[in-house]
Amino acid sequence: MTSPEYTDNLPPDLFPTFPVCWATLSDVETEDALEELDDWVTWLVDRYSLDHRAVPPCWEQHGALVEELSALRTAWISAFNITGRPEAPLEWHAHFAAALRRLIDWASRTGCRTGGQHRPDR
């Protein structure tokens, strides 16, 4: 349970209200959005013990991975928002399981490996 005192002090940018449409962002906006996403992806990789087969170190250089991870983050924010439905976190995990299969598929297509072995998208 979250106390009202705690929620009153939450920064408003902690829970953005809309998804990121990467195709519409300027270069500067893309850079800023990637920095925000990177913080969450770092947490996700650590929290769920993901490795390079799901999220390679160069994920931000692969459009499909950026789009999937960004969508996961948006859904996570919505699911764990203080105004979210009680079952939303469970639904997020179901979506995460499906997204993880796609991440692994896309990451395998890149051919990128740990240790700086990045291959650009074809």
Protein backbone atom coordinates (compact mmCIF):
# COMPACT_ATOMS: atom_id res chain seq x y z
CA MET A 1 0.00 0.00 0.00
CA THR A 2 1.29 3.45 -0.88
CA SER A 3 0.81 6.29 1.57
CA PRO A 4 -0.52 9.63 0.28
CA GLU A 5 2.56 11.41 1.61
CA TYR A 6 4.75 9.28 -0.63
CA THR A 7 2.66 9.71 -3.76
CA ASP A 8 2.48 13.48 -3.32
CA ASN A 9 6.26 13.62 -3.57
CA LEU A 10 6.62 11.53 -6.74
CA PRO A 11 8.14 13.51 -9.60
CA PRO A 12 5.59 13.98 -12.40
CA ASP A 13 8.01 12.75 -15.07
CA LEU A 14 8.38 9.39 -13.29
CA PHE A 15 5.22 8.13 -14.95
CA PRO A 16 4.81 9.62 -18.43
CA THR A 17 1.32 9.33 -19.80
CA PHE A 18 2.02 8.49 -23.42
CA PRO A 19 4.19 6.09 -25.43
CA VAL A 20 7.21 7.25 -27.37
CA CYS A 21 6.70 7.42 -31.14
CA TRP A 22 10.32 7.08 -32.22
CA ALA A 23 9.60 7.85 -35.87
CA THR A 24 8.50 11.39 -35.00
CA LEU A 25 11.42 12.38 -32.77
CA SER A 26 14.20 14.75 -33.75
CA ASP A 27 17.80 13.64 -33.24
CA VAL A 28 17.98 15.55 -29.95
CA GLU A 29 14.66 14.14 -28.75
CA THR A 30 15.78 10.64 -29.74
CA GLU A 31 18.99 11.03 -27.75
CA ASP A 32 17.06 12.22 -24.68
CA ALA A 33 14.49 9.43 -24.98
CA LEU A 34 17.24 6.81 -25.37
CA GLU A 35 18.91 8.07 -22.18
CA GLU A 36 15.64 7.65 -20.27
CA LEU A 37 15.02 4.24 -21.80
CA ASP A 38 18.59 3.15 -21.02
CA ASP A 39 18.04 3.63 -17.29
CA TRP A 40 14.98 1.39 -17.40
CA VAL A 41 16.61 -1.23 -19.67
CA THR A 42 19.58 -1.41 -17.28
CA TRP A 43 17.15 -2.08 -14.44
CA LEU A 44 15.20 -4.63 -16.51
CA VAL A 45 18.32 -6.56 -17.52
CA ASP A 46 19.49 -6.68 -13.92
CA ARG A 47 16.11 -7.44 -12.36
CA TYR A 48 15.27 -10.30 -14.74
CA SER A 49 18.85 -11.55 -15.21
CA LEU A 50 18.73 -11.04 -18.97
CA ASP A 51 21.84 -11.56 -21.05
CA HIS A 52 23.05 -10.54 -24.51
CA ARG A 53 20.82 -13.15 -26.15
CA ALA A 54 17.80 -11.02 -25.22
CA VAL A 55 19.28 -7.53 -24.86
CA PRO A 56 22.71 -7.10 -26.47
CA PRO A 57 24.88 -4.26 -25.14
CA CYS A 58 24.28 -2.35 -28.39
CA TRP A 59 20.46 -2.65 -28.22
CA GLU A 60 20.04 1.11 -28.74
CA GLN A 61 21.53 0.76 -32.23
CA HIS A 62 18.81 -1.67 -33.35
CA GLY A 63 15.42 -0.17 -34.16
CA ALA A 64 13.37 -3.29 -33.43
CA LEU A 65 14.95 -3.69 -30.00
CA VAL A 66 14.42 0.00 -29.19
CA GLU A 67 10.76 -0.22 -30.21
CA GLU A 68 10.12 -3.41 -28.19
CA LEU A 69 11.94 -2.22 -25.09
CA SER A 70 10.24 1.16 -25.27
CA ALA A 71 6.81 -0.48 -25.53
CA LEU A 72 7.64 -2.71 -22.57
CA ARG A 73 8.69 0.32 -20.53
CA THR A 74 5.50 2.20 -21.37
CA ALA A 75 3.39 -0.82 -20.40
CA TRP A 76 5.44 -1.30 -17.22
CA ILE A 77 4.93 2.32 -16.20
CA SER A 78 1.20 1.97 -16.77
CA ALA A 79 1.01 -1.36 -14.94
CA PHE A 80 2.95 -0.22 -11.90
CA ASN A 81 1.56 3.30 -11.75
CA ILE A 82 -0.13 4.09 -8.46
CA THR A 83 -3.42 4.45 -10.35
CA GLY A 84 -3.00 1.11 -12.17
CA ARG A 85 -5.42 -1.79 -11.87
CA PRO A 86 -4.47 -4.48 -9.33
CA GLU A 87 -4.10 -7.15 -12.04
CA ALA A 88 -2.02 -4.92 -14.35
CA PRO A 89 1.39 -6.11 -13.07
CA LEU A 90 0.42 -9.72 -13.77
CA GLU A 91 -0.75 -8.76 -17.25
CA TRP A 92 2.54 -6.91 -17.79
CA HIS A 93 4.45 -10.09 -16.99
CA ALA A 94 2.38 -12.02 -19.55
CA HIS A 95 3.22 -9.38 -22.14
CA PHE A 96 6.84 -9.45 -21.03
CA ALA A 97 7.03 -13.20 -21.64
CA ALA A 98 5.83 -12.71 -25.23
CA ALA A 99 8.09 -9.71 -25.74
CA LEU A 100 11.07 -11.64 -24.41
CA ARG A 101 10.63 -14.23 -27.16
CA ARG A 102 10.62 -11.42 -29.74
CA LEU A 103 13.65 -9.75 -28.14
CA ILE A 104 15.59 -13.02 -28.31
CA ASP A 105 14.59 -13.48 -31.95
CA TRP A 106 15.58 -9.94 -32.92
CA ALA A 107 18.80 -10.05 -30.90
CA SER A 108 19.80 -13.30 -32.62
CA ARG A 109 19.24 -11.67 -36.01
CA THR A 110 21.69 -8.89 -35.19
CA GLY A 111 24.60 -11.27 -34.71
CA CYS A 112 25.95 -8.90 -32.04
CA ARG A 113 27.94 -10.34 -29.18
CA THR A 114 29.25 -9.09 -25.88
CA GLY A 115 32.67 -7.50 -25.91
CA GLY A 116 31.87 -4.84 -28.49
CA GLN A 117 31.06 -7.07 -31.47
CA HIS A 118 28.29 -4.94 -32.96
CA ARG A 119 26.83 -5.58 -36.39
CA PRO A 120 24.53 -2.94 -37.91
CA ASP A 121 20.99 -3.80 -38.99
CA ARG A 122 20.74 -4.98 -42.57
